Protein backbone atom coordinates (compact mmCIF):
# COMPACT_ATOMS: atom_id res chain seq x y z
CA MET A 1 -123.10 75.88 -91.18
CA SER A 2 -120.62 74.76 -88.54
CA THR A 3 -119.90 77.11 -85.66
CA ALA A 4 -116.87 75.26 -84.32
CA ALA A 5 -114.36 77.73 -85.70
CA LEU A 6 -116.22 80.96 -85.23
CA PRO A 7 -113.71 83.68 -84.30
CA PHE A 8 -115.67 85.40 -81.56
CA ALA A 9 -116.44 85.01 -77.90
CA GLU A 10 -119.96 83.57 -78.17
CA THR A 11 -118.67 80.11 -79.12
CA ARG A 12 -116.26 80.11 -76.17
CA ARG A 13 -118.99 80.67 -73.60
CA PRO A 14 -121.28 77.62 -73.56
CA LEU A 15 -123.28 79.08 -70.66
CA ARG A 16 -124.09 82.23 -72.64
CA GLN A 17 -127.45 80.93 -73.84
CA ILE A 18 -128.42 79.90 -70.30
CA GLU A 19 -127.59 83.42 -69.09
CA LEU A 20 -129.66 84.84 -71.93
CA LEU A 21 -132.71 82.69 -71.19
CA ALA A 22 -132.46 83.35 -67.46
CA ALA A 23 -132.41 87.11 -68.08
CA ALA A 24 -135.29 86.83 -70.55
CA GLY A 25 -137.34 84.71 -68.17
CA LEU A 26 -136.84 87.24 -65.39
CA MET A 27 -137.87 90.10 -67.69
CA TYR A 28 -140.98 88.17 -68.73
CA LEU A 29 -142.02 87.54 -65.13
CA LEU A 30 -141.35 91.11 -64.02
CA PHE A 31 -143.27 92.54 -66.96
CA LEU A 32 -146.15 90.17 -66.29
CA LEU A 33 -146.23 91.36 -62.68
CA TYR A 34 -146.16 94.95 -63.91
CA LEU A 35 -149.20 94.37 -66.12
CA THR A 36 -151.25 92.26 -63.72
CA MET A 37 -150.40 93.74 -60.33
CA GLY A 38 -148.96 97.15 -61.14
CA LEU A 39 -151.59 98.10 -63.71
CA ASP A 40 -154.29 95.65 -62.62
CA SER A 41 -154.77 94.80 -66.29
CA GLU A 42 -157.62 92.41 -67.05
CA MET A 43 -156.28 90.04 -69.69
CA MET A 44 -159.07 87.49 -69.82
CA ARG A 45 -160.99 89.46 -72.39
CA GLY A 46 -161.05 90.06 -76.13
CA ASP A 47 -158.74 87.81 -78.13
CA VAL A 48 -157.39 86.05 -75.03
CA LEU A 49 -160.88 85.04 -73.93
CA ASN A 50 -161.89 84.02 -77.42
CA TYR A 51 -158.83 81.79 -77.83
CA TRP A 52 -159.71 80.07 -74.56
CA LYS A 53 -163.30 79.54 -75.70
CA ARG A 54 -162.11 78.11 -79.01
CA SER A 55 -159.93 75.64 -77.12
CA LEU A 56 -163.11 74.26 -75.54
CA GLU A 57 -164.80 73.82 -78.93
CA LEU A 58 -162.31 71.83 -80.99
CA SER A 59 -164.99 69.57 -82.47
CA ALA A 60 -165.68 72.31 -85.07
CA PRO A 61 -162.33 74.10 -85.55
CA TYR A 62 -163.35 76.16 -88.58
CA ASP A 63 -163.15 79.67 -87.23
CA THR A 64 -163.09 82.37 -89.91
CA TRP A 65 -160.80 84.56 -87.78
CA TRP A 66 -158.26 82.09 -86.36
CA PRO A 67 -156.70 78.83 -87.54
CA PRO A 68 -157.09 75.96 -85.05
CA GLY A 69 -153.43 75.55 -84.02
CA TYR A 70 -153.25 77.81 -80.98
CA PRO A 71 -156.58 76.69 -79.46
CA PHE A 72 -155.34 73.11 -79.90
CA VAL A 73 -152.10 73.95 -78.03
CA ILE A 74 -154.16 75.49 -75.21
CA ALA A 75 -156.32 72.37 -75.03
CA LEU A 76 -153.24 70.14 -75.05
CA VAL A 77 -151.51 72.01 -72.21
CA ARG A 78 -154.76 72.10 -70.23
CA THR A 79 -155.02 68.32 -70.60
CA LEU A 80 -151.37 67.69 -69.73
CA THR A 81 -151.73 69.78 -66.56
CA LEU A 82 -154.85 67.76 -65.65
CA ASN A 83 -157.09 70.84 -65.68
CA THR A 84 -155.44 72.03 -62.47
CA LEU A 85 -154.37 75.47 -63.73
CA PRO A 86 -156.65 78.45 -64.26
CA PRO A 87 -157.11 79.61 -67.87
CA LEU A 88 -154.65 82.49 -67.76
CA ALA A 89 -151.98 80.34 -66.11
CA VAL A 90 -152.26 77.82 -68.95
CA MET A 91 -151.96 80.55 -71.56
CA TRP A 92 -149.12 82.37 -69.78
CA LEU A 93 -147.24 79.07 -69.59
CA ILE A 94 -147.57 78.67 -73.36
CA SER A 95 -146.58 82.26 -74.06
CA GLY A 96 -143.66 82.18 -71.63
CA VAL A 97 -142.22 78.99 -73.09
CA SER A 98 -142.75 80.31 -76.64
CA TYR A 99 -141.01 83.57 -75.68
CA LEU A 100 -137.95 81.71 -74.38
CA VAL A 101 -137.90 79.37 -77.39
CA ALA A 102 -138.06 82.37 -79.73
CA ILE A 103 -135.21 84.18 -77.95
CA GLY A 104 -133.06 81.06 -77.83
CA THR A 105 -133.70 80.45 -81.52
CA VAL A 106 -132.73 84.02 -82.45
CA TYR A 107 -129.48 83.46 -80.58
CA ARG A 108 -128.82 80.19 -82.41
CA ILE A 109 -129.64 81.77 -85.77
CA ALA A 110 -127.21 84.60 -85.02
CA ILE A 111 -124.51 82.07 -84.13
CA GLU A 112 -125.28 80.11 -87.30
CA LEU A 113 -124.90 83.30 -89.34
CA ARG A 114 -121.64 84.21 -87.58
CA VAL A 115 -123.14 87.42 -86.24
CA ARG A 116 -120.60 88.81 -83.82
CA HIS A 117 -123.19 90.33 -81.49
CA ALA A 118 -125.44 87.27 -81.11
CA PHE A 119 -126.20 87.86 -77.43
CA GLU A 120 -127.17 91.49 -78.00
CA THR A 121 -129.24 90.50 -81.05
CA ALA A 122 -131.32 88.11 -78.95
CA LEU A 123 -131.74 90.71 -76.19
CA VAL A 124 -132.98 93.31 -78.67
CA PHE A 125 -135.50 90.77 -79.97
CA ALA A 126 -136.62 90.11 -76.38
CA VAL A 127 -137.42 93.80 -75.79
CA TRP A 128 -138.21 94.87 -79.36
CA PRO A 129 -139.72 98.38 -79.21
CA PHE A 130 -143.32 98.46 -77.99
CA VAL A 131 -144.09 94.77 -78.61
CA GLY A 132 -141.15 92.63 -77.49
CA LEU A 133 -142.49 92.13 -73.97
CA THR A 134 -146.03 93.46 -74.30
CA GLU A 135 -147.21 91.17 -77.10
CA SER A 136 -145.50 88.20 -75.45
CA THR A 137 -147.07 88.56 -72.02
CA TYR A 138 -150.54 89.06 -73.49
CA PRO A 139 -151.18 85.36 -74.09
CA ILE A 140 -152.39 85.37 -77.68
CA ALA A 141 -150.95 83.34 -80.56
CA ASP A 142 -148.34 85.87 -81.75
CA ILE A 143 -145.26 84.74 -79.86
CA THR A 144 -146.00 81.06 -80.46
CA ALA A 145 -146.29 81.71 -84.20
CA ILE A 146 -143.09 83.79 -84.17
CA ALA A 147 -141.20 81.04 -82.31
CA LEU A 148 -142.30 78.48 -84.91
CA PHE A 149 -141.32 80.78 -87.76
CA LEU A 150 -137.89 81.39 -86.25
CA LEU A 151 -137.42 77.63 -85.99
CA CYS A 152 -138.22 77.55 -89.72
CA VAL A 153 -135.49 80.14 -90.34
CA LEU A 154 -132.99 78.16 -88.25
CA SER A 155 -133.85 74.99 -90.19
CA PHE A 156 -133.40 76.90 -93.45
CA GLU A 157 -129.94 78.12 -92.44
CA ARG A 158 -128.95 74.60 -91.35
CA ARG A 159 -130.54 73.08 -94.49
CA ARG A 160 -132.69 70.72 -92.46
CA TRP A 161 -135.61 70.38 -94.81
CA LEU A 162 -137.62 67.87 -92.80
CA THR A 163 -137.72 70.08 -89.71
CA LEU A 164 -138.39 73.14 -91.88
CA THR A 165 -141.38 71.35 -93.40
CA LEU A 166 -142.71 70.28 -89.99
CA TYR A 167 -142.34 73.70 -88.36
CA ALA A 168 -143.86 75.43 -91.38
CA ALA A 169 -146.84 73.05 -91.39
CA ILE A 170 -147.53 73.83 -87.73
CA ALA A 171 -146.87 77.58 -88.03
CA VAL A 172 -149.47 78.19 -90.74
CA LEU A 173 -152.08 76.54 -88.52
CA VAL A 174 -151.26 78.79 -85.56
CA HIS A 175 -151.57 82.32 -86.98
CA LYS A 176 -152.63 83.82 -90.31
CA ALA A 177 -149.67 86.21 -90.21
CA THR A 178 -147.47 83.21 -90.96
CA TRP A 179 -149.28 82.96 -94.31
CA PHE A 180 -147.16 85.99 -95.19
CA LEU A 181 -143.98 84.87 -93.41
CA VAL A 182 -143.65 81.20 -94.33
CA PRO A 183 -144.28 81.10 -98.13
CA PRO A 184 -141.39 83.44 -99.11
CA LEU A 185 -138.98 81.43 -96.96
CA MET A 186 -140.23 78.17 -98.48
CA LEU A 187 -139.92 79.67 -101.95
CA MET A 188 -136.32 80.66 -101.27
CA ALA A 189 -135.55 77.12 -100.12
CA PHE A 190 -137.35 75.63 -103.13
CA ILE A 191 -135.44 77.81 -105.60
CA ARG A 192 -132.02 77.74 -103.98
CA HIS A 193 -131.87 74.12 -102.75
CA LYS A 194 -133.01 71.36 -105.09
CA GLU A 195 -132.77 68.73 -102.37
CA SER A 196 -135.60 70.45 -100.48
CA ARG A 197 -138.15 70.26 -103.27
CA TRP A 198 -139.57 66.82 -102.57
CA LEU A 199 -140.34 67.68 -98.93
CA LEU A 200 -141.41 71.32 -98.78
CA PRO A 201 -144.79 70.95 -100.58
CA LEU A 202 -145.90 68.65 -97.76
CA ALA A 203 -145.96 71.67 -95.42
CA VAL A 204 -149.24 72.88 -96.94
CA VAL A 205 -151.07 69.54 -96.51
CA PRO A 206 -152.45 70.16 -92.96
CA LEU A 207 -153.62 73.66 -93.94
CA LEU A 208 -155.28 72.32 -97.10
CA VAL A 209 -157.02 69.59 -95.09
CA TRP A 210 -158.38 72.25 -92.71
CA ILE A 211 -159.55 74.42 -95.62
CA VAL A 212 -161.25 71.51 -97.41
CA CYS A 213 -162.98 70.30 -94.24
CA GLY A 214 -164.13 73.86 -93.57
CA ALA A 215 -165.52 74.06 -97.11
CA PHE A 216 -167.74 71.08 -96.38
CA TYR A 217 -168.65 72.49 -92.96
CA TYR A 218 -169.75 75.86 -94.38
CA ASN A 219 -170.75 74.53 -97.80
CA ASP A 220 -168.54 77.26 -99.25
CA ALA A 221 -165.26 76.56 -101.05
CA LEU A 222 -163.97 80.08 -100.37
CA TRP A 223 -165.06 80.31 -96.73
CA PHE A 224 -161.52 81.00 -95.45
CA LEU A 225 -161.01 83.85 -97.93
CA ARG A 226 -164.29 85.77 -97.89
CA TRP A 227 -164.19 86.88 -94.27
CA GLY A 228 -160.43 87.53 -94.29
CA VAL A 229 -160.56 89.69 -97.40
CA GLU A 230 -163.49 91.70 -96.03
CA HIS A 231 -162.04 92.34 -92.58
CA LEU A 232 -158.25 92.19 -93.06
CA VAL A 233 -157.57 93.25 -96.63
CA ALA A 234 -160.42 95.39 -97.97
CA SER A 235 -159.37 99.05 -97.84
CA LYS A 236 -161.06 101.29 -95.28
CA SER A 237 -160.26 104.42 -97.29
CA SER A 238 -160.24 105.47 -100.92
CA LEU A 239 -156.86 103.80 -101.46
CA PRO A 240 -156.91 100.47 -103.32
CA ILE A 241 -153.65 99.34 -101.69
CA CYS A 242 -151.34 100.55 -98.90
CA ASP A 243 -154.36 101.53 -96.83
CA GLY A 244 -152.55 100.33 -93.72
CA ILE A 245 -149.53 102.55 -94.41
CA VAL A 246 -151.18 105.71 -95.72
CA GLY A 247 -154.72 105.42 -94.36
CA PRO A 248 -153.91 106.29 -90.72
CA PHE A 249 -152.49 109.65 -91.83
CA LEU A 250 -155.77 110.50 -93.58
CA THR A 251 -157.91 110.05 -90.47
CA GLY A 252 -156.83 113.21 -88.63
CA SER A 253 -156.55 111.21 -85.40
CA VAL A 254 -153.31 111.77 -83.49
CA SER A 255 -153.20 108.20 -82.16
CA LYS A 256 -153.85 106.71 -85.60
CA MET A 257 -151.25 108.95 -87.21
CA ALA A 258 -148.77 107.84 -84.55
CA LYS A 259 -149.58 104.25 -85.43
CA GLY A 260 -149.08 105.13 -89.10
CA GLY A 261 -145.69 106.61 -88.25
CA LEU A 262 -144.58 103.40 -86.50
CA VAL A 263 -145.82 101.29 -89.40
CA SER A 264 -144.02 103.54 -91.90
CA ALA A 265 -140.78 103.30 -89.89
CA THR A 266 -141.12 99.51 -89.83
CA VAL A 267 -141.69 99.38 -93.59
CA LEU A 268 -138.62 101.58 -94.11
CA LEU A 269 -136.54 99.19 -91.99
CA ALA A 270 -137.93 96.26 -93.98
CA LEU A 271 -137.05 97.98 -97.27
CA ILE A 272 -133.50 98.63 -96.06
CA ALA A 273 -133.21 95.02 -94.92
CA PHE A 274 -134.58 93.81 -98.26
CA PHE A 275 -132.10 95.88 -100.27
CA TYR A 276 -129.02 94.86 -98.30
CA SER A 277 -130.13 91.23 -97.93
CA TYR A 278 -130.35 91.04 -101.70
CA ARG A 279 -126.92 92.62 -102.13
CA LEU A 280 -125.44 90.19 -99.59
CA ARG A 281 -127.37 87.23 -101.03
CA PHE A 282 -128.82 86.65 -97.58
CA TRP A 283 -131.89 84.72 -98.65
CA SER A 284 -133.65 84.17 -95.33
CA GLY A 285 -133.24 87.88 -94.54
CA LEU A 286 -134.66 88.71 -97.96
CA SER A 287 -137.71 86.53 -97.31
CA ILE A 288 -138.30 88.05 -93.85
CA SER A 289 -138.19 91.63 -95.07
CA LEU A 290 -140.29 90.82 -98.15
CA SER A 291 -142.94 89.22 -95.95
CA LEU A 292 -143.34 92.33 -93.81
CA ILE A 293 -143.41 94.61 -96.86
CA LEU A 294 -146.16 92.51 -98.44
CA MET A 295 -148.07 92.45 -95.17
CA ALA A 296 -147.93 96.24 -94.89
CA VAL A 297 -149.08 96.71 -98.48
CA VAL A 298 -152.01 94.29 -98.22
CA ILE A 299 -153.42 94.66 -94.68
CA ASN A 300 -155.89 97.50 -94.09
CA GLN A 301 -155.50 100.25 -91.51
CA TYR A 302 -157.80 98.56 -88.98
CA GLU A 303 -155.50 95.54 -88.69
CA ILE A 304 -152.14 97.03 -89.72
CA TRP A 305 -150.74 96.83 -86.16
CA VAL A 306 -150.00 93.17 -86.96
CA VAL A 307 -146.99 94.46 -88.93
CA ILE A 308 -145.60 96.01 -85.74
CA ARG A 309 -146.39 92.91 -83.70
CA PHE A 310 -144.43 90.68 -86.06
CA SER A 311 -141.72 93.22 -86.92
CA LYS A 312 -139.40 91.79 -84.26
CA VAL A 313 -138.31 89.12 -86.78
CA LEU A 314 -136.50 91.95 -88.63
CA VAL A 315 -133.81 91.65 -85.98
CA ILE A 316 -132.37 88.72 -87.98
CA PRO A 317 -131.62 90.53 -91.27
CA LEU A 318 -130.70 93.78 -89.53
CA ALA A 319 -128.20 92.06 -87.22
CA TYR A 320 -126.67 90.14 -90.11
CA ILE A 321 -126.35 93.28 -92.25
CA LEU A 322 -124.68 95.20 -89.41
CA SER A 323 -122.33 92.31 -88.78
CA GLN A 324 -121.37 92.09 -92.44
CA ALA A 325 -120.80 95.83 -92.48
CA GLY A 326 -118.10 95.37 -89.85
CA PHE A 327 -119.85 96.81 -86.78
CA ARG A 328 -118.38 95.30 -83.63
CA PRO A 329 -120.24 96.04 -80.40
CA ALA A 330 -117.18 95.61 -78.22
CA ALA A 331 -115.42 98.40 -80.05
CA ARG A 332 -118.15 100.76 -81.25
CA LEU A 333 -121.70 99.92 -80.34
CA ARG A 334 -121.50 98.51 -76.83
CA PRO A 335 -121.53 101.93 -75.10
CA LEU A 336 -124.78 102.67 -76.93
CA PHE A 337 -126.37 99.28 -76.34
CA ILE A 338 -127.44 99.75 -72.72
CA PRO A 339 -129.25 103.07 -73.35
CA PHE A 340 -130.91 101.56 -76.43
CA PHE A 341 -131.88 98.43 -74.47
CA LEU A 342 -133.40 100.53 -71.67
CA LEU A 343 -135.24 102.67 -74.21
CA CYS A 344 -136.76 99.52 -75.72
CA ILE A 345 -137.91 98.40 -72.27
CA ALA A 346 -139.37 101.86 -71.60
CA SER A 347 -141.34 101.69 -74.85
CA ASN A 348 -142.81 98.35 -73.77
CA VAL A 349 -143.68 99.76 -70.35
CA ALA A 350 -145.41 102.73 -71.97
CA PHE A 351 -147.27 100.60 -74.49
CA GLY A 352 -148.29 98.16 -71.77
CA HIS A 353 -149.76 101.09 -69.83
CA TYR A 354 -151.57 102.25 -72.97
CA MET A 355 -153.06 98.79 -73.57
CA ALA A 356 -154.17 98.48 -69.96
CA ALA A 357 -155.81 101.92 -70.09
CA LEU A 358 -157.49 101.00 -73.36
CA ALA A 359 -158.85 97.79 -71.85
CA ALA A 360 -160.11 99.63 -68.74
CA GLY A 361 -161.69 102.48 -70.67
């Protein structure tokens, strides 16, 4: 879709994306300083530490928890920097670049979709409630996977099937959450665009190679499913499905019920996005919202926070729906944007404090 004739200010300000990325980079650095110096948060632990260890053991990349893509990226950056950077610096570099790529891609998608408030859309993504900054500065695979998925969405909107295939092939090797996000988007492309059909199936080849090699390594054809089903999918309550949505409310724990409330709110947003995306025939928005709904239905309550972590991609369908509904920030929403933006930052600050306290305690 050409943007040459778009009737709004974004296309007349070529430096707008530079301003956006500069602001996002500053926010990233300030939030990183807040976590590391202000809260003295120890990040080289848990998933961060395990990703680093996996990057040192690429000769057998058949981990039942994580695909090999992100450890490979860590190893690649470590090699390119000649092993001169400490582990966290390597991983922060990857996360920071991925964060900026993701924000820039949201902006370009919004421009492609003729969303009138493209700049604001990208800023909301950057500070998405609770996880926009927090889950980006903790250097795990999330933001890298999200950046790759957003590049898939951009390729879909531009009908660039080769790049869509390449980004999808990489994304599914970086994070298992993309196993929910990528297939619906690929299915939409396969159904709606005949010219894509000879290329898109190639996206699964690297993942299939990894699965087959792992089957020989473990001598178990279902090695990649058994562990995942047991730990990620199997219900932790009496509910056969929707354990992640309903289960937290059955525990009696205030913190878990709060988590359940956030998950429920996210699912409600996804349902709204799904309904209006279908009415507007907005196929990439439909696939995004469907992915999050399926994730919420399938994932158990122990791992359901992944829905919140990846919910920031909902900014695409929600922004498009608002734009199609005729909302114009300059006239109606702009006075509310700054308070909302600051509230989003405050939620990240609070959640960052919570995570640091959890790690210390």
